[in-house]
Amino acid sequence: MERQAFFATAAGIAAAAATLGTALAAPTPRPLRPDAASERNLRRVRQRLERLIDQLQHDQRDYGGHREKALDLMQRARAELMAGEQFEHSHDRGTT
């Protein structure tokens, strides 16, 4: 019986060591910067705005000039969002 307990214990220790070795060899994921969620949000909003601009550009009606004015304002907003993204990239502090 002692021999079985010894082998069971040895097998458990070997399994634990193998698991630990695999865990230590795996690359550690880089933690997101605290403002990364904000940057993703800025990008998603810009992408959503681009889709809306595209939809409005394909609309056949003018709506008394309001469609063109809305397109102009949306394109300005897109340019501001892109400028914000570029600012963030050029001022990335490299923090983790």
N, C-alpha and C. Protein backbone atom coordinates (compact mmCIF):
# COMPACT_ATOMS: atom_id res chain seq x y z
N MET A 1 0.81 -1.18 0.00
CA MET A 1 0.00 0.00 0.00
C MET A 1 0.87 1.26 0.00
N GLU A 2 1.98 1.22 0.74
CA GLU A 2 2.86 2.38 0.79
C GLU A 2 3.42 2.67 -0.59
N ARG A 3 3.69 1.64 -1.33
CA ARG A 3 4.26 1.82 -2.66
C ARG A 3 3.26 2.52 -3.58
N GLN A 4 1.98 2.16 -3.49
CA GLN A 4 0.95 2.80 -4.30
C GLN A 4 0.82 4.27 -3.92
N ALA A 5 0.88 4.57 -2.63
CA ALA A 5 0.78 5.95 -2.16
C ALA A 5 1.97 6.75 -2.66
N PHE A 6 3.14 6.12 -2.64
CA PHE A 6 4.33 6.80 -3.13
C PHE A 6 4.20 7.15 -4.61
N PHE A 7 3.77 6.17 -5.42
CA PHE A 7 3.62 6.42 -6.85
C PHE A 7 2.53 7.44 -7.14
N ALA A 8 1.45 7.39 -6.38
CA ALA A 8 0.38 8.37 -6.56
C ALA A 8 0.88 9.77 -6.24
N THR A 9 1.65 9.89 -5.16
CA THR A 9 2.21 11.19 -4.77
C THR A 9 3.21 11.67 -5.83
N ALA A 10 4.06 10.76 -6.28
CA ALA A 10 5.05 11.11 -7.31
C ALA A 10 4.35 11.54 -8.60
N ALA A 11 3.30 10.84 -8.98
CA ALA A 11 2.56 11.20 -10.19
C ALA A 11 1.91 12.57 -10.02
N GLY A 12 1.37 12.85 -8.85
CA GLY A 12 0.77 14.16 -8.59
C GLY A 12 1.79 15.28 -8.66
N ILE A 13 2.97 15.03 -8.08
CA ILE A 13 4.03 16.05 -8.12
C ILE A 13 4.50 16.27 -9.56
N ALA A 14 4.63 15.21 -10.34
CA ALA A 14 5.05 15.33 -11.73
C ALA A 14 4.02 16.10 -12.54
N ALA A 15 2.74 15.82 -12.31
CA ALA A 15 1.69 16.54 -13.03
C ALA A 15 1.70 18.02 -12.67
N ALA A 16 1.88 18.31 -11.39
CA ALA A 16 1.93 19.70 -10.95
C ALA A 16 3.13 20.42 -11.56
N ALA A 17 4.27 19.75 -11.61
CA ALA A 17 5.47 20.35 -12.18
C ALA A 17 5.29 20.60 -13.67
N ALA A 18 4.66 19.66 -14.38
CA ALA A 18 4.43 19.83 -15.82
C ALA A 18 3.48 20.99 -16.07
N THR A 19 2.45 21.11 -15.26
CA THR A 19 1.49 22.21 -15.40
C THR A 19 2.18 23.54 -15.12
N LEU A 20 2.99 23.59 -14.10
CA LEU A 20 3.70 24.81 -13.75
C LEU A 20 4.68 25.19 -14.86
N GLY A 21 5.37 24.20 -15.41
CA GLY A 21 6.31 24.48 -16.50
C GLY A 21 5.60 25.03 -17.72
N THR A 22 4.43 24.49 -18.05
CA THR A 22 3.65 24.99 -19.19
C THR A 22 3.18 26.40 -18.92
N ALA A 23 2.73 26.65 -17.71
CA ALA A 23 2.25 28.00 -17.36
C ALA A 23 3.38 29.02 -17.42
N LEU A 24 4.56 28.64 -16.98
CA LEU A 24 5.68 29.57 -16.99
C LEU A 24 6.20 29.81 -18.40
N ALA A 25 6.07 28.82 -19.29
CA ALA A 25 6.57 28.96 -20.65
C ALA A 25 5.62 29.77 -21.52
N ALA A 26 4.33 29.84 -21.17
CA ALA A 26 3.35 30.57 -21.96
C ALA A 26 3.63 32.07 -21.88
N PRO A 27 3.49 32.77 -23.00
CA PRO A 27 3.72 34.22 -22.96
C PRO A 27 2.69 34.91 -22.08
N THR A 28 3.16 35.87 -21.33
CA THR A 28 2.28 36.62 -20.45
C THR A 28 1.58 37.70 -21.26
N PRO A 29 0.24 37.74 -21.23
CA PRO A 29 -0.44 38.77 -22.00
C PRO A 29 -0.12 40.15 -21.44
N ARG A 30 0.09 41.10 -22.36
CA ARG A 30 0.40 42.46 -21.94
C ARG A 30 -0.87 43.13 -21.43
N PRO A 31 -0.83 43.66 -20.22
CA PRO A 31 -2.05 44.29 -19.70
C PRO A 31 -2.37 45.56 -20.49
N LEU A 32 -3.64 45.83 -20.63
CA LEU A 32 -4.07 47.02 -21.33
C LEU A 32 -3.78 48.26 -20.51
N ARG A 33 -3.42 49.33 -21.21
CA ARG A 33 -3.27 50.60 -20.52
C ARG A 33 -4.65 51.03 -20.03
N PRO A 34 -4.71 51.81 -18.97
CA PRO A 34 -6.01 52.24 -18.46
C PRO A 34 -6.85 52.99 -19.49
N ASP A 35 -6.20 53.71 -20.41
CA ASP A 35 -6.94 54.48 -21.39
C ASP A 35 -7.18 53.71 -22.69
N ALA A 36 -6.81 52.43 -22.75
CA ALA A 36 -6.99 51.65 -23.96
C ALA A 36 -8.47 51.50 -24.32
N ALA A 37 -9.33 51.35 -23.33
CA ALA A 37 -10.77 51.24 -23.59
C ALA A 37 -11.28 52.53 -24.22
N SER A 38 -10.77 53.64 -23.78
CA SER A 38 -11.18 54.92 -24.34
C SER A 38 -10.73 55.03 -25.80
N GLU A 39 -9.51 54.59 -26.09
CA GLU A 39 -9.01 54.62 -27.47
C GLU A 39 -9.85 53.71 -28.37
N ARG A 40 -10.21 52.53 -27.88
CA ARG A 40 -11.06 51.62 -28.66
C ARG A 40 -12.41 52.27 -28.92
N ASN A 41 -12.95 52.96 -27.92
CA ASN A 41 -14.23 53.63 -28.07
C ASN A 41 -14.15 54.71 -29.14
N LEU A 42 -13.08 55.49 -29.13
CA LEU A 42 -12.89 56.54 -30.13
C LEU A 42 -12.85 55.94 -31.53
N ARG A 43 -12.14 54.84 -31.69
CA ARG A 43 -12.04 54.17 -32.99
C ARG A 43 -13.39 53.62 -33.43
N ARG A 44 -14.12 53.00 -32.51
CA ARG A 44 -15.45 52.45 -32.85
C ARG A 44 -16.43 53.54 -33.26
N VAL A 45 -16.41 54.64 -32.54
CA VAL A 45 -17.31 55.76 -32.88
C VAL A 45 -16.97 56.29 -34.28
N ARG A 46 -15.68 56.45 -34.57
CA ARG A 46 -15.28 56.92 -35.90
C ARG A 46 -15.73 55.95 -36.98
N GLN A 47 -15.56 54.66 -36.74
CA GLN A 47 -15.98 53.66 -37.73
C GLN A 47 -17.49 53.68 -37.94
N ARG A 48 -18.22 53.83 -36.85
CA ARG A 48 -19.68 53.91 -36.95
C ARG A 48 -20.09 55.16 -37.73
N LEU A 49 -19.42 56.27 -37.46
CA LEU A 49 -19.69 57.52 -38.16
C LEU A 49 -19.38 57.38 -39.66
N GLU A 50 -18.32 56.68 -39.99
CA GLU A 50 -17.99 56.45 -41.40
C GLU A 50 -19.09 55.67 -42.11
N ARG A 51 -19.65 54.69 -41.44
CA ARG A 51 -20.75 53.92 -42.04
C ARG A 51 -21.98 54.81 -42.23
N LEU A 52 -22.26 55.68 -41.26
CA LEU A 52 -23.41 56.58 -41.38
C LEU A 52 -23.21 57.59 -42.51
N ILE A 53 -22.00 58.11 -42.64
CA ILE A 53 -21.70 59.03 -43.75
C ILE A 53 -21.95 58.33 -45.07
N ASP A 54 -21.47 57.10 -45.19
CA ASP A 54 -21.65 56.34 -46.41
C ASP A 54 -23.14 56.14 -46.72
N GLN A 55 -23.91 55.80 -45.72
CA GLN A 55 -25.35 55.61 -45.93
C GLN A 55 -26.02 56.90 -46.39
N LEU A 56 -25.67 58.00 -45.75
CA LEU A 56 -26.29 59.28 -46.09
C LEU A 56 -25.85 59.75 -47.48
N GLN A 57 -24.62 59.45 -47.88
CA GLN A 57 -24.15 59.83 -49.20
C GLN A 57 -24.92 59.10 -50.30
N HIS A 58 -25.42 57.92 -49.99
CA HIS A 58 -26.17 57.15 -50.98
C HIS A 58 -27.66 57.47 -50.98
N ASP A 59 -28.10 58.32 -50.10
CA ASP A 59 -29.51 58.72 -50.07
C ASP A 59 -29.80 59.61 -51.27
N GLN A 60 -30.90 59.40 -51.93
CA GLN A 60 -31.23 60.14 -53.13
C GLN A 60 -31.87 61.50 -52.84
N ARG A 61 -32.46 61.66 -51.68
CA ARG A 61 -33.17 62.91 -51.38
C ARG A 61 -32.23 63.93 -50.76
N ASP A 62 -32.57 65.20 -50.94
CA ASP A 62 -31.74 66.30 -50.44
C ASP A 62 -32.26 66.84 -49.10
N TYR A 63 -33.54 66.68 -48.85
CA TYR A 63 -34.18 67.15 -47.62
C TYR A 63 -33.97 68.66 -47.42
N GLY A 64 -34.15 69.42 -48.49
CA GLY A 64 -34.05 70.87 -48.41
C GLY A 64 -32.66 71.36 -48.06
N GLY A 65 -31.62 70.63 -48.45
CA GLY A 65 -30.24 71.03 -48.16
C GLY A 65 -29.71 70.50 -46.84
N HIS A 66 -30.58 69.92 -46.03
CA HIS A 66 -30.15 69.44 -44.70
C HIS A 66 -29.25 68.21 -44.78
N ARG A 67 -29.45 67.39 -45.81
CA ARG A 67 -28.59 66.20 -45.95
C ARG A 67 -27.14 66.63 -46.19
N GLU A 68 -26.94 67.60 -47.07
CA GLU A 68 -25.58 68.08 -47.34
C GLU A 68 -24.96 68.72 -46.11
N LYS A 69 -25.75 69.50 -45.38
CA LYS A 69 -25.22 70.12 -44.17
C LYS A 69 -24.86 69.06 -43.13
N ALA A 70 -25.71 68.06 -42.99
CA ALA A 70 -25.44 66.98 -42.05
C ALA A 70 -24.17 66.22 -42.46
N LEU A 71 -24.02 65.96 -43.76
CA LEU A 71 -22.81 65.28 -44.25
C LEU A 71 -21.57 66.09 -43.92
N ASP A 72 -21.64 67.40 -44.14
CA ASP A 72 -20.49 68.26 -43.84
C ASP A 72 -20.13 68.19 -42.37
N LEU A 73 -21.12 68.28 -41.51
CA LEU A 73 -20.85 68.24 -40.07
C LEU A 73 -20.31 66.87 -39.64
N MET A 74 -20.85 65.80 -40.22
CA MET A 74 -20.37 64.46 -39.88
C MET A 74 -18.94 64.24 -40.37
N GLN A 75 -18.61 64.79 -41.54
CA GLN A 75 -17.24 64.66 -42.05
C GLN A 75 -16.26 65.46 -41.19
N ARG A 76 -16.71 66.60 -40.69
CA ARG A 76 -15.86 67.36 -39.76
C ARG A 76 -15.67 66.59 -38.46
N ALA A 77 -16.73 65.97 -37.97
CA ALA A 77 -16.63 65.17 -36.75
C ALA A 77 -15.67 64.01 -36.95
N ARG A 78 -15.76 63.36 -38.13
CA ARG A 78 -14.85 62.25 -38.43
C ARG A 78 -13.40 62.75 -38.44
N ALA A 79 -13.17 63.90 -39.03
CA ALA A 79 -11.81 64.46 -39.06
C ALA A 79 -11.31 64.74 -37.65
N GLU A 80 -12.16 65.23 -36.77
CA GLU A 80 -11.77 65.48 -35.38
C GLU A 80 -11.44 64.18 -34.65
N LEU A 81 -12.24 63.14 -34.89
CA LEU A 81 -11.97 61.84 -34.26
C LEU A 81 -10.64 61.28 -34.76
N MET A 82 -10.39 61.41 -36.06
CA MET A 82 -9.12 60.93 -36.61
C MET A 82 -7.95 61.72 -36.02
N ALA A 83 -8.12 63.03 -35.86
CA ALA A 83 -7.07 63.85 -35.25
C ALA A 83 -6.82 63.41 -33.81
N GLY A 84 -7.88 63.07 -33.10
CA GLY A 84 -7.73 62.58 -31.73
C GLY A 84 -6.97 61.26 -31.69
N GLU A 85 -7.28 60.37 -32.63
CA GLU A 85 -6.56 59.10 -32.69
C GLU A 85 -5.08 59.33 -33.00
N GLN A 86 -4.79 60.21 -33.95
CA GLN A 86 -3.40 60.47 -34.30
C GLN A 86 -2.67 61.14 -33.14
N PHE A 87 -3.35 62.03 -32.43
CA PHE A 87 -2.74 62.66 -31.25
C PHE A 87 -2.36 61.59 -30.24
N GLU A 88 -3.27 60.66 -30.01
CA GLU A 88 -3.02 59.61 -29.03
C GLU A 88 -1.83 58.75 -29.44
N HIS A 89 -1.75 58.43 -30.73
CA HIS A 89 -0.63 57.61 -31.21
C HIS A 89 0.70 58.35 -31.10
N SER A 90 0.69 59.65 -31.40
CA SER A 90 1.95 60.40 -31.36
C SER A 90 2.36 60.76 -29.93
N HIS A 91 1.42 60.69 -28.99
CA HIS A 91 1.72 61.02 -27.60
C HIS A 91 1.63 59.80 -26.69
N ASP A 92 1.71 58.61 -27.29
CA ASP A 92 1.64 57.37 -26.52
C ASP A 92 2.82 57.32 -25.56
N ARG A 93 2.48 57.22 -24.31
CA ARG A 93 3.50 57.21 -23.28
C ARG A 93 4.16 55.85 -23.11
N GLY A 94 3.66 54.84 -23.81
CA GLY A 94 4.26 53.52 -23.72
C GLY A 94 4.05 52.84 -22.39
N THR A 95 3.05 53.28 -21.64
CA THR A 95 2.79 52.66 -20.34
C THR A 95 2.07 51.35 -20.55
N THR A 96 2.19 50.48 -19.59
CA THR A 96 1.50 49.19 -19.66
C THR A 96 0.47 49.11 -18.61
